[in-house]
């Protein structure tokens, strides 16, 4: 989703208030993303947490 919106890892890491290298590890699945950051990302992208973590293919936050 980040790349689809032409956003850099640095831009997202600044929004999450974390280091870019740490965010890179989240994307490469080398570190587990804390729930609080998952919620922030879901809010930022306007999708449900379930969509973000792959539990549904429906991005709609109201379903």
N, C-alpha and C. Protein backbone atom coordinates (compact mmCIF):
# COMPACT_ATOMS: atom_id res chain seq x y z
N UNK A 1 0.82 -1.18 0.00
CA UNK A 1 0.00 0.00 0.00
C UNK A 1 0.87 1.25 0.00
N UNK A 2 1.99 1.19 0.70
CA UNK A 2 2.89 2.35 0.75
C UNK A 2 3.38 2.69 -0.65
N UNK A 3 3.85 1.68 -1.37
CA UNK A 3 4.38 1.91 -2.71
C UNK A 3 3.29 2.33 -3.68
N UNK A 4 2.08 1.78 -3.52
CA UNK A 4 0.96 2.16 -4.39
C UNK A 4 0.64 3.65 -4.27
N UNK A 5 0.96 4.22 -3.12
CA UNK A 5 0.69 5.65 -2.90
C UNK A 5 1.94 6.50 -3.07
N UNK A 6 2.98 5.89 -3.62
CA UNK A 6 4.26 6.59 -3.86
C UNK A 6 4.82 7.23 -2.60
N UNK A 7 4.74 6.51 -1.50
CA UNK A 7 5.29 6.98 -0.23
C UNK A 7 6.60 6.25 0.05
N UNK A 8 7.52 6.93 0.70
CA UNK A 8 8.79 6.31 1.07
C UNK A 8 8.70 5.70 2.46
N UNK A 9 9.62 4.81 2.73
CA UNK A 9 9.69 4.24 4.08
C UNK A 9 9.95 5.36 5.10
N UNK A 10 10.74 6.32 4.72
CA UNK A 10 11.03 7.43 5.63
C UNK A 10 9.76 8.20 5.97
N UNK A 11 8.92 8.46 4.98
CA UNK A 11 7.67 9.19 5.24
C UNK A 11 6.78 8.42 6.21
N UNK A 12 6.66 7.11 6.00
CA UNK A 12 5.81 6.31 6.88
C UNK A 12 6.44 6.20 8.26
N UNK A 13 7.74 6.02 8.32
CA UNK A 13 8.38 5.90 9.63
C UNK A 13 8.25 7.20 10.43
N UNK A 14 8.27 8.33 9.75
CA UNK A 14 8.08 9.60 10.46
C UNK A 14 6.65 9.71 10.99
N UNK A 15 5.67 9.25 10.22
CA UNK A 15 4.29 9.28 10.67
C UNK A 15 4.10 8.35 11.88
N UNK A 16 4.82 7.23 11.87
CA UNK A 16 4.72 6.27 12.97
C UNK A 16 5.62 6.62 14.15
N UNK A 17 6.46 7.62 13.96
CA UNK A 17 7.45 8.04 14.96
C UNK A 17 8.35 6.86 15.33
N UNK A 18 8.96 6.29 14.28
CA UNK A 18 9.94 5.24 14.50
C UNK A 18 11.07 5.44 13.48
N UNK A 19 12.16 4.76 13.69
CA UNK A 19 13.31 4.88 12.81
C UNK A 19 13.02 4.18 11.48
N UNK A 20 13.52 4.74 10.38
CA UNK A 20 13.29 4.17 9.05
C UNK A 20 13.84 2.76 8.96
N UNK A 21 14.97 2.49 9.59
CA UNK A 21 15.55 1.14 9.52
C UNK A 21 14.66 0.13 10.23
N UNK A 22 14.00 0.54 11.31
CA UNK A 22 13.07 -0.34 12.01
C UNK A 22 11.85 -0.60 11.14
N UNK A 23 11.32 0.45 10.52
CA UNK A 23 10.17 0.27 9.64
C UNK A 23 10.52 -0.67 8.49
N UNK A 24 11.72 -0.57 7.96
CA UNK A 24 12.17 -1.45 6.89
C UNK A 24 12.13 -2.91 7.36
N UNK A 25 12.51 -3.16 8.59
CA UNK A 25 12.47 -4.52 9.14
C UNK A 25 11.03 -5.01 9.26
N UNK A 26 10.10 -4.12 9.57
CA UNK A 26 8.69 -4.50 9.60
C UNK A 26 8.25 -4.95 8.21
N UNK A 27 8.60 -4.20 7.19
CA UNK A 27 8.20 -4.55 5.82
C UNK A 27 8.83 -5.86 5.36
N UNK A 28 10.04 -6.12 5.79
CA UNK A 28 10.72 -7.37 5.40
C UNK A 28 10.35 -8.54 6.30
N UNK A 29 9.47 -8.27 7.25
CA UNK A 29 8.99 -9.27 8.22
C UNK A 29 10.12 -9.83 9.08
N UNK A 30 11.11 -8.98 9.35
CA UNK A 30 12.20 -9.35 10.24
C UNK A 30 11.86 -9.01 11.69
N UNK A 31 10.91 -8.11 11.86
CA UNK A 31 10.43 -7.72 13.20
C UNK A 31 8.91 -7.71 13.16
N UNK A 32 8.31 -8.06 14.29
CA UNK A 32 6.85 -8.03 14.39
C UNK A 32 6.40 -6.59 14.65
N UNK A 33 5.36 -6.18 13.95
CA UNK A 33 4.83 -4.82 14.08
C UNK A 33 3.95 -4.76 15.34
N UNK A 34 4.23 -3.84 16.25
CA UNK A 34 3.38 -3.71 17.44
C UNK A 34 1.94 -3.33 17.05
N UNK A 35 1.00 -3.82 17.83
CA UNK A 35 -0.41 -3.58 17.54
C UNK A 35 -0.72 -2.09 17.41
N UNK A 36 -0.14 -1.26 18.26
CA UNK A 36 -0.40 0.18 18.20
C UNK A 36 -0.02 0.76 16.84
N UNK A 37 1.06 0.27 16.25
CA UNK A 37 1.48 0.76 14.94
C UNK A 37 0.59 0.21 13.84
N UNK A 38 0.11 -1.01 14.01
CA UNK A 38 -0.83 -1.58 13.03
C UNK A 38 -2.10 -0.73 12.99
N UNK A 39 -2.58 -0.34 14.15
CA UNK A 39 -3.78 0.51 14.23
C UNK A 39 -3.51 1.86 13.56
N UNK A 40 -2.35 2.44 13.82
CA UNK A 40 -2.00 3.72 13.19
C UNK A 40 -1.95 3.60 11.67
N UNK A 41 -1.36 2.51 11.19
CA UNK A 41 -1.28 2.30 9.74
C UNK A 41 -2.66 2.11 9.13
N UNK A 42 -3.51 1.35 9.80
CA UNK A 42 -4.87 1.14 9.30
C UNK A 42 -5.62 2.46 9.23
N UNK A 43 -5.49 3.28 10.25
CA UNK A 43 -6.12 4.60 10.24
C UNK A 43 -5.55 5.47 9.13
N UNK A 44 -4.26 5.45 8.97
CA UNK A 44 -3.59 6.26 7.95
C UNK A 44 -4.07 5.89 6.55
N UNK A 45 -4.14 4.59 6.27
CA UNK A 45 -4.54 4.13 4.95
C UNK A 45 -6.05 4.05 4.77
N UNK A 46 -6.79 4.21 5.87
CA UNK A 46 -8.25 4.16 5.79
C UNK A 46 -8.79 2.77 5.52
N UNK A 47 -8.13 1.78 6.09
CA UNK A 47 -8.55 0.39 5.93
C UNK A 47 -8.71 -0.25 7.31
N UNK A 48 -9.32 -1.43 7.33
CA UNK A 48 -9.47 -2.13 8.60
C UNK A 48 -8.16 -2.79 9.00
N UNK A 49 -8.01 -3.04 10.28
CA UNK A 49 -6.84 -3.77 10.76
C UNK A 49 -6.84 -5.17 10.16
N UNK A 50 -8.01 -5.80 10.08
CA UNK A 50 -8.10 -7.14 9.48
C UNK A 50 -7.57 -7.15 8.05
N UNK A 51 -7.88 -6.12 7.28
CA UNK A 51 -7.37 -6.03 5.92
C UNK A 51 -5.84 -5.88 5.93
N UNK A 52 -5.37 -5.05 6.80
CA UNK A 52 -3.93 -4.78 6.86
C UNK A 52 -3.14 -6.03 7.23
N UNK A 53 -3.68 -6.86 8.09
CA UNK A 53 -2.94 -8.06 8.52
C UNK A 53 -3.30 -9.29 7.70
N UNK A 54 -4.15 -9.12 6.68
CA UNK A 54 -4.43 -10.21 5.77
C UNK A 54 -5.54 -11.15 6.18
N UNK A 55 -6.38 -10.73 7.12
CA UNK A 55 -7.49 -11.59 7.54
C UNK A 55 -8.72 -11.46 6.66
N UNK A 56 -8.75 -10.43 5.80
CA UNK A 56 -9.85 -10.23 4.87
C UNK A 56 -9.30 -9.55 3.62
N UNK A 57 -10.02 -9.73 2.54
CA UNK A 57 -9.66 -9.03 1.30
C UNK A 57 -10.45 -7.74 1.14
N UNK A 58 -11.34 -7.46 2.08
CA UNK A 58 -12.19 -6.28 2.03
C UNK A 58 -11.55 -5.15 2.86
N UNK A 59 -11.10 -4.10 2.22
CA UNK A 59 -10.45 -3.01 2.96
C UNK A 59 -11.41 -2.11 3.71
N UNK A 60 -12.73 -2.27 3.47
CA UNK A 60 -13.73 -1.38 4.08
C UNK A 60 -13.70 -1.50 5.60
N UNK A 61 -13.49 -0.39 6.26
CA UNK A 61 -13.40 -0.39 7.72
C UNK A 61 -14.76 -0.55 8.39
N UNK A 62 -15.84 -0.42 7.64
CA UNK A 62 -17.17 -0.52 8.21
C UNK A 62 -17.79 -1.90 8.09
N UNK A 63 -17.07 -2.86 7.57
CA UNK A 63 -17.63 -4.22 7.42
C UNK A 63 -16.79 -5.23 8.09
